[in-house]
Amino acid sequence: MSPELQAELTAEAKAFGRYLLGEEVNARAVTLYLAAHDQTQFESDAQDQRILKFMLRYPSLIGVIDAGLAIRKNKSCVRKKLYYMLSILEAMPEYAKYFLFDGTPLTNALRLFFFGTRGVMRMVVGYLLCGVL
C-alpha cells in the first residue's frame, strides 16, 4: 500500500469513526480498517469518489450523505466502507458501550423516536444532496 493511499485511508477511518462514535477512534481501529482494505476489493466509480472526497472535506455531513445513499445507492462503495468501519468498532470491547442500550423502556422508546425522526430528516436531505454530487 502506497503512503498516499495509507494516509487517505487513515483519514477515512478517523472521519468514519468520529461519525459513528462521536469521538476519535484509537490506532487499533485505524489499523484494522487499513487491514480490511488490504483484504477486500472496494470498487468505486466516479460518483463514489466525489462523494467520498466531499465527506472527508465536510465530515459533519457524513450522516446526511450516508442516509441519502441508503435509499439512492445502497450498494455504493462508500456505504460498504462505512459498514466495515462499523463492524470493526462494534467488535472492539472498548467501544461496545456505544452500541448497547441502557436505561428504562421509556427512555429507550424516546431515544428510538428521536433517532428515527432524525434519520428520516437526514435521509430526505441526503437523498437530495447525493443527487447533486
N, C-alpha and C. Protein backbone atom coordinates (compact mmCIF):
# COMPACT_ATOMS: atom_id res chain seq x y z
N MET A 1 0.85 -1.18 0.00
CA MET A 1 0.00 0.00 0.00
C MET A 1 0.90 1.24 0.00
N SER A 2 0.61 2.15 -0.89
CA SER A 2 1.42 3.35 -1.01
C SER A 2 1.18 4.29 0.17
N PRO A 3 2.15 5.13 0.49
CA PRO A 3 1.97 6.08 1.60
C PRO A 3 0.80 7.03 1.39
N GLU A 4 0.55 7.42 0.13
CA GLU A 4 -0.57 8.33 -0.15
C GLU A 4 -1.90 7.64 0.13
N LEU A 5 -2.02 6.39 -0.33
CA LEU A 5 -3.25 5.62 -0.09
C LEU A 5 -3.44 5.36 1.39
N GLN A 6 -2.36 5.05 2.09
CA GLN A 6 -2.44 4.81 3.53
C GLN A 6 -2.89 6.07 4.27
N ALA A 7 -2.39 7.23 3.88
CA ALA A 7 -2.80 8.48 4.51
C ALA A 7 -4.27 8.77 4.23
N GLU A 8 -4.71 8.49 3.00
CA GLU A 8 -6.11 8.71 2.63
C GLU A 8 -7.04 7.78 3.43
N LEU A 9 -6.65 6.51 3.54
CA LEU A 9 -7.47 5.55 4.28
C LEU A 9 -7.47 5.85 5.78
N THR A 10 -6.37 6.35 6.29
CA THR A 10 -6.32 6.74 7.70
C THR A 10 -7.28 7.89 7.96
N ALA A 11 -7.30 8.86 7.06
CA ALA A 11 -8.25 9.98 7.19
C ALA A 11 -9.68 9.48 7.13
N GLU A 12 -9.96 8.53 6.22
CA GLU A 12 -11.30 7.93 6.14
C GLU A 12 -11.67 7.26 7.45
N ALA A 13 -10.76 6.44 7.97
CA ALA A 13 -11.04 5.71 9.19
C ALA A 13 -11.35 6.65 10.35
N LYS A 14 -10.58 7.70 10.47
CA LYS A 14 -10.81 8.66 11.56
C LYS A 14 -12.12 9.40 11.38
N ALA A 15 -12.43 9.81 10.16
CA ALA A 15 -13.68 10.53 9.92
C ALA A 15 -14.88 9.63 10.13
N PHE A 16 -14.82 8.39 9.62
CA PHE A 16 -15.94 7.46 9.80
C PHE A 16 -16.10 7.08 11.26
N GLY A 17 -14.99 6.88 11.96
CA GLY A 17 -15.07 6.57 13.39
C GLY A 17 -15.68 7.69 14.19
N ARG A 18 -15.30 8.92 13.86
CA ARG A 18 -15.87 10.09 14.54
C ARG A 18 -17.37 10.19 14.27
N TYR A 19 -17.77 9.89 13.05
CA TYR A 19 -19.20 9.91 12.71
C TYR A 19 -19.95 8.82 13.48
N LEU A 20 -19.40 7.63 13.54
CA LEU A 20 -20.11 6.52 14.16
C LEU A 20 -20.12 6.57 15.68
N LEU A 21 -19.06 7.09 16.28
CA LEU A 21 -18.95 7.10 17.74
C LEU A 21 -19.13 8.48 18.37
N GLY A 22 -18.85 9.51 17.60
CA GLY A 22 -18.89 10.86 18.16
C GLY A 22 -17.60 11.25 18.84
N GLU A 23 -16.57 10.46 18.67
CA GLU A 23 -15.25 10.75 19.24
C GLU A 23 -14.18 10.09 18.39
N GLU A 24 -12.94 10.45 18.65
CA GLU A 24 -11.81 9.88 17.91
C GLU A 24 -11.68 8.39 18.20
N VAL A 25 -11.30 7.64 17.18
CA VAL A 25 -11.06 6.22 17.37
C VAL A 25 -9.58 5.99 17.66
N ASN A 26 -9.28 4.85 18.24
CA ASN A 26 -7.89 4.57 18.59
C ASN A 26 -7.12 4.03 17.38
N ALA A 27 -5.83 3.90 17.56
CA ALA A 27 -4.94 3.47 16.47
C ALA A 27 -5.25 2.04 16.02
N ARG A 28 -5.70 1.21 16.95
CA ARG A 28 -6.02 -0.18 16.59
C ARG A 28 -7.18 -0.24 15.60
N ALA A 29 -8.18 0.60 15.80
CA ALA A 29 -9.33 0.64 14.88
C ALA A 29 -8.87 1.10 13.50
N VAL A 30 -7.99 2.06 13.45
CA VAL A 30 -7.47 2.55 12.16
C VAL A 30 -6.67 1.45 11.48
N THR A 31 -5.85 0.75 12.24
CA THR A 31 -5.05 -0.35 11.69
C THR A 31 -5.94 -1.45 11.13
N LEU A 32 -7.01 -1.78 11.84
CA LEU A 32 -7.93 -2.81 11.36
C LEU A 32 -8.65 -2.35 10.09
N TYR A 33 -8.97 -1.07 10.00
CA TYR A 33 -9.60 -0.53 8.79
C TYR A 33 -8.64 -0.64 7.61
N LEU A 34 -7.37 -0.33 7.83
CA LEU A 34 -6.37 -0.46 6.77
C LEU A 34 -6.21 -1.92 6.35
N ALA A 35 -6.23 -2.83 7.33
CA ALA A 35 -6.12 -4.26 7.03
C ALA A 35 -7.33 -4.75 6.23
N ALA A 36 -8.50 -4.22 6.53
CA ALA A 36 -9.70 -4.59 5.77
C ALA A 36 -9.56 -4.19 4.32
N HIS A 37 -8.92 -3.05 4.07
CA HIS A 37 -8.73 -2.60 2.69
C HIS A 37 -7.70 -3.46 1.96
N ASP A 38 -6.78 -4.06 2.69
CA ASP A 38 -5.83 -4.98 2.05
C ASP A 38 -6.50 -6.29 1.66
N GLN A 39 -7.55 -6.67 2.39
CA GLN A 39 -8.20 -7.97 2.19
C GLN A 39 -9.43 -7.92 1.30
N THR A 40 -9.99 -6.75 1.07
CA THR A 40 -11.28 -6.63 0.39
C THR A 40 -11.15 -5.70 -0.81
N GLN A 41 -11.92 -6.01 -1.84
CA GLN A 41 -11.97 -5.14 -3.01
C GLN A 41 -13.08 -4.11 -2.82
N PHE A 42 -12.74 -2.85 -2.87
CA PHE A 42 -13.70 -1.77 -2.81
C PHE A 42 -13.71 -1.10 -4.18
N GLU A 43 -14.63 -1.52 -5.02
CA GLU A 43 -14.70 -0.97 -6.37
C GLU A 43 -15.58 0.26 -6.36
N SER A 44 -14.98 1.38 -6.68
CA SER A 44 -15.74 2.63 -6.65
C SER A 44 -15.77 3.26 -8.04
N ASP A 45 -16.88 3.92 -8.32
CA ASP A 45 -16.98 4.65 -9.58
C ASP A 45 -16.69 6.13 -9.33
N ALA A 46 -16.84 6.94 -10.34
CA ALA A 46 -16.52 8.37 -10.23
C ALA A 46 -17.41 9.06 -9.20
N GLN A 47 -18.70 8.68 -9.15
CA GLN A 47 -19.59 9.30 -8.18
C GLN A 47 -19.18 8.94 -6.75
N ASP A 48 -18.81 7.69 -6.53
CA ASP A 48 -18.34 7.29 -5.20
C ASP A 48 -17.12 8.11 -4.79
N GLN A 49 -16.21 8.32 -5.72
CA GLN A 49 -15.01 9.10 -5.42
C GLN A 49 -15.36 10.55 -5.05
N ARG A 50 -16.29 11.15 -5.80
CA ARG A 50 -16.72 12.52 -5.48
C ARG A 50 -17.39 12.58 -4.11
N ILE A 51 -18.25 11.61 -3.84
CA ILE A 51 -18.95 11.59 -2.55
C ILE A 51 -17.96 11.41 -1.41
N LEU A 52 -17.01 10.51 -1.58
CA LEU A 52 -16.02 10.26 -0.54
C LEU A 52 -15.17 11.49 -0.27
N LYS A 53 -14.74 12.17 -1.31
CA LYS A 53 -13.96 13.40 -1.13
C LYS A 53 -14.78 14.47 -0.43
N PHE A 54 -16.06 14.58 -0.80
CA PHE A 54 -16.94 15.55 -0.16
C PHE A 54 -17.12 15.22 1.33
N MET A 55 -17.28 13.94 1.64
CA MET A 55 -17.45 13.52 3.03
C MET A 55 -16.21 13.84 3.87
N LEU A 56 -15.05 13.65 3.30
CA LEU A 56 -13.82 13.92 4.03
C LEU A 56 -13.58 15.42 4.17
N ARG A 57 -14.04 16.19 3.20
CA ARG A 57 -13.91 17.64 3.28
C ARG A 57 -14.89 18.23 4.28
N TYR A 58 -16.10 17.65 4.35
CA TYR A 58 -17.14 18.12 5.27
C TYR A 58 -17.62 16.96 6.13
N PRO A 59 -16.83 16.56 7.13
CA PRO A 59 -17.18 15.38 7.94
C PRO A 59 -18.48 15.53 8.74
N SER A 60 -18.93 16.75 8.96
CA SER A 60 -20.19 16.92 9.69
C SER A 60 -21.39 16.49 8.84
N LEU A 61 -21.20 16.30 7.55
CA LEU A 61 -22.29 15.88 6.66
C LEU A 61 -22.25 14.39 6.33
N ILE A 62 -21.37 13.64 6.97
CA ILE A 62 -21.28 12.21 6.69
C ILE A 62 -22.60 11.51 6.98
N GLY A 63 -23.25 11.84 8.07
CA GLY A 63 -24.53 11.21 8.41
C GLY A 63 -25.61 11.50 7.40
N VAL A 64 -25.65 12.70 6.90
CA VAL A 64 -26.65 13.08 5.90
C VAL A 64 -26.40 12.32 4.60
N ILE A 65 -25.16 12.27 4.17
CA ILE A 65 -24.83 11.57 2.93
C ILE A 65 -25.05 10.07 3.09
N ASP A 66 -24.70 9.51 4.23
CA ASP A 66 -24.93 8.10 4.49
C ASP A 66 -26.42 7.78 4.39
N ALA A 67 -27.24 8.60 4.99
CA ALA A 67 -28.69 8.38 4.94
C ALA A 67 -29.21 8.50 3.51
N GLY A 68 -28.70 9.46 2.77
CA GLY A 68 -29.12 9.62 1.38
C GLY A 68 -28.70 8.44 0.51
N LEU A 69 -27.50 7.95 0.73
CA LEU A 69 -27.03 6.79 -0.03
C LEU A 69 -27.82 5.54 0.30
N ALA A 70 -28.37 5.47 1.50
CA ALA A 70 -29.14 4.30 1.90
C ALA A 70 -30.34 4.08 0.99
N ILE A 71 -30.91 5.17 0.46
CA ILE A 71 -32.05 5.00 -0.44
C ILE A 71 -31.71 5.27 -1.90
N ARG A 72 -30.67 6.04 -2.16
CA ARG A 72 -30.34 6.38 -3.54
C ARG A 72 -29.40 5.33 -4.16
N LYS A 73 -28.39 4.91 -3.41
CA LYS A 73 -27.37 4.00 -3.96
C LYS A 73 -26.89 3.10 -2.82
N ASN A 74 -27.73 2.17 -2.44
CA ASN A 74 -27.50 1.34 -1.25
C ASN A 74 -26.23 0.49 -1.35
N LYS A 75 -25.85 0.07 -2.52
CA LYS A 75 -24.68 -0.81 -2.68
C LYS A 75 -23.41 -0.05 -3.03
N SER A 76 -23.34 1.22 -2.68
CA SER A 76 -22.17 2.01 -3.06
C SER A 76 -20.94 1.59 -2.25
N CYS A 77 -19.81 1.91 -2.81
CA CYS A 77 -18.53 1.64 -2.16
C CYS A 77 -18.42 2.40 -0.83
N VAL A 78 -18.95 3.61 -0.79
CA VAL A 78 -18.88 4.43 0.42
C VAL A 78 -19.64 3.76 1.56
N ARG A 79 -20.83 3.24 1.28
CA ARG A 79 -21.59 2.54 2.32
C ARG A 79 -20.88 1.27 2.76
N LYS A 80 -20.26 0.59 1.83
CA LYS A 80 -19.51 -0.62 2.18
C LYS A 80 -18.37 -0.29 3.14
N LYS A 81 -17.68 0.82 2.88
CA LYS A 81 -16.59 1.24 3.75
C LYS A 81 -17.13 1.61 5.14
N LEU A 82 -18.27 2.29 5.18
CA LEU A 82 -18.87 2.64 6.47
C LEU A 82 -19.28 1.39 7.25
N TYR A 83 -19.82 0.39 6.55
CA TYR A 83 -20.19 -0.85 7.22
C TYR A 83 -18.97 -1.58 7.77
N TYR A 84 -17.88 -1.55 7.03
CA TYR A 84 -16.66 -2.18 7.54
C TYR A 84 -16.18 -1.48 8.81
N MET A 85 -16.19 -0.16 8.80
CA MET A 85 -15.76 0.57 9.99
C MET A 85 -16.71 0.32 11.15
N LEU A 86 -18.00 0.27 10.88
CA LEU A 86 -18.98 -0.02 11.92
C LEU A 86 -18.74 -1.41 12.52
N SER A 87 -18.47 -2.38 11.66
CA SER A 87 -18.20 -3.74 12.15
C SER A 87 -16.95 -3.80 13.01
N ILE A 88 -15.93 -3.08 12.59
CA ILE A 88 -14.68 -3.05 13.36
C ILE A 88 -14.94 -2.46 14.75
N LEU A 89 -15.61 -1.33 14.79
CA LEU A 89 -15.85 -0.65 16.07
C LEU A 89 -16.78 -1.46 16.97
N GLU A 90 -17.79 -2.06 16.37
CA GLU A 90 -18.75 -2.83 17.16
C GLU A 90 -18.11 -4.07 17.79
N ALA A 91 -17.08 -4.61 17.15
CA ALA A 91 -16.42 -5.80 17.65
C ALA A 91 -15.34 -5.50 18.69
N MET A 92 -15.00 -4.24 18.87
CA MET A 92 -13.95 -3.88 19.83
C MET A 92 -14.57 -3.65 21.21
N PRO A 93 -14.08 -4.35 22.23
CA PRO A 93 -14.69 -4.23 23.57
C PRO A 93 -14.72 -2.81 24.12
N GLU A 94 -13.71 -2.00 23.81
CA GLU A 94 -13.68 -0.65 24.36
C GLU A 94 -14.77 0.25 23.79
N TYR A 95 -15.38 -0.15 22.67
CA TYR A 95 -16.44 0.66 22.08
C TYR A 95 -17.82 0.01 22.20
N ALA A 96 -17.91 -1.11 22.87
CA ALA A 96 -19.19 -1.83 22.98
C ALA A 96 -20.27 -0.97 23.62
N LYS A 97 -19.91 -0.12 24.55
CA LYS A 97 -20.91 0.70 25.26
C LYS A 97 -21.67 1.63 24.31
N TYR A 98 -21.07 1.96 23.17
CA TYR A 98 -21.74 2.85 22.21
C TYR A 98 -22.85 2.15 21.43
N PHE A 99 -22.85 0.84 21.47
CA PHE A 99 -23.80 0.07 20.67
C PHE A 99 -24.85 -0.65 21.50
N LEU A 100 -24.83 -0.45 22.80
CA LEU A 100 -25.78 -1.11 23.69
C LEU A 100 -26.71 -0.07 24.32
N PHE A 101 -28.00 -0.39 24.33
CA PHE A 101 -28.95 0.48 25.02
C PHE A 101 -28.92 0.18 26.50
N ASP A 102 -28.95 1.21 27.30
CA ASP A 102 -29.15 1.03 28.73
C ASP A 102 -30.18 2.06 29.17
N GLY A 103 -30.90 1.75 30.17
CA GLY A 103 -31.93 2.67 30.63
C GLY A 103 -33.28 1.99 30.72
N THR A 104 -34.28 2.78 30.99
CA THR A 104 -35.63 2.25 31.15
C THR A 104 -36.28 2.08 29.77
N PRO A 105 -37.34 1.29 29.71
CA PRO A 105 -38.03 1.16 28.43
C PRO A 105 -38.55 2.50 27.88
N LEU A 106 -38.96 3.40 28.76
CA LEU A 106 -39.46 4.70 28.31
C LEU A 106 -38.34 5.52 27.67
N THR A 107 -37.19 5.59 28.32
CA THR A 107 -36.08 6.36 27.74
C THR A 107 -35.60 5.73 26.45
N ASN A 108 -35.61 4.40 26.38
CA ASN A 108 -35.21 3.74 25.13
C ASN A 108 -36.21 4.03 24.01
N ALA A 109 -37.51 4.07 24.33
CA ALA A 109 -38.52 4.39 23.33
C ALA A 109 -38.37 5.83 22.85
N LEU A 110 -38.11 6.76 23.77
CA LEU A 110 -37.90 8.16 23.39
C LEU A 110 -36.65 8.31 22.53
N ARG A 111 -35.61 7.61 22.90
CA ARG A 111 -34.37 7.65 22.12
C ARG A 111 -34.60 7.09 20.72
N LEU A 112 -35.34 6.00 20.63
CA LEU A 112 -35.65 5.40 19.34
C LEU A 112 -36.47 6.37 18.48
N PHE A 113 -37.44 7.04 19.08
CA PHE A 113 -38.25 8.02 18.36
C PHE A 113 -37.38 9.17 17.87
N PHE A 114 -36.52 9.69 18.73
CA PHE A 114 -35.65 10.81 18.35
C PHE A 114 -34.72 10.42 17.21
N PHE A 115 -34.04 9.28 17.34
CA PHE A 115 -33.09 8.87 16.31
C PHE A 115 -33.81 8.50 15.01
N GLY A 116 -35.00 7.93 15.11
CA GLY A 116 -35.78 7.62 13.92
C GLY A 116 -36.20 8.87 13.17
N THR A 117 -36.67 9.87 13.91
CA THR A 117 -37.06 11.14 13.29
C THR A 117 -35.86 11.82 12.65
N ARG A 118 -34.75 11.84 13.35
CA ARG A 118 -33.53 12.43 12.81
C ARG A 118 -33.06 11.68 11.57
N GLY A 119 -33.19 10.36 11.59
CA GLY A 119 -32.78 9.56 10.44
C GLY A 119 -33.61 9.84 9.20
N VAL A 120 -34.92 10.03 9.38
CA VAL A 120 -35.79 10.35 8.24
C VAL A 120 -35.43 11.71 7.67
N MET A 121 -35.20 12.68 8.53
CA MET A 121 -34.82 14.02 8.05
C MET A 121 -33.49 13.96 7.31
N ARG A 122 -32.53 13.23 7.85
CA ARG A 122 -31.23 13.09 7.18
C ARG A 122 -31.39 12.41 5.83
N MET A 123 -32.28 11.42 5.78
CA MET A 123 -32.48 10.68 4.54
C MET A 123 -33.01 11.58 3.42
N VAL A 124 -33.95 12.44 3.76
CA VAL A 124 -34.52 13.34 2.75
C VAL A 124 -33.46 14.32 2.25
N VAL A 125 -32.75 14.95 3.17
CA VAL A 125 -31.72 15.92 2.78
C VAL A 125 -30.59 15.21 2.04
N GLY A 126 -30.18 14.04 2.53
CA GLY A 126 -29.10 13.29 1.90
C GLY A 126 -29.46 12.80 0.52
N TYR A 127 -30.71 12.42 0.31
CA TYR A 127 -31.16 11.99 -1.00
C TYR A 127 -30.99 13.12 -2.01
N LEU A 128 -31.37 14.31 -1.62
CA LEU A 128 -31.22 15.47 -2.50
C LEU A 128 -29.74 15.82 -2.71
N LEU A 129 -28.96 15.78 -1.64
CA LEU A 129 -27.54 16.12 -1.73
C LEU A 129 -26.78 15.13 -2.60
N CYS A 130 -27.07 13.84 -2.46
CA CYS A 130 -26.38 12.83 -3.27
C CYS A 130 -26.75 12.96 -4.73
N GLY A 131 -27.95 13.47 -5.02
CA GLY A 131 -28.33 13.70 -6.41
C GLY A 131 -27.52 14.80 -7.05
N VAL A 132 -27.07 15.76 -6.25
CA VAL A 132 -26.28 16.88 -6.76
C VAL A 132 -24.83 16.47 -6.95
N LEU A 133 -24.33 15.64 -6.04
CA LEU A 133 -22.92 15.21 -6.15
C LEU A 133 -22.83 14.20 -7.24
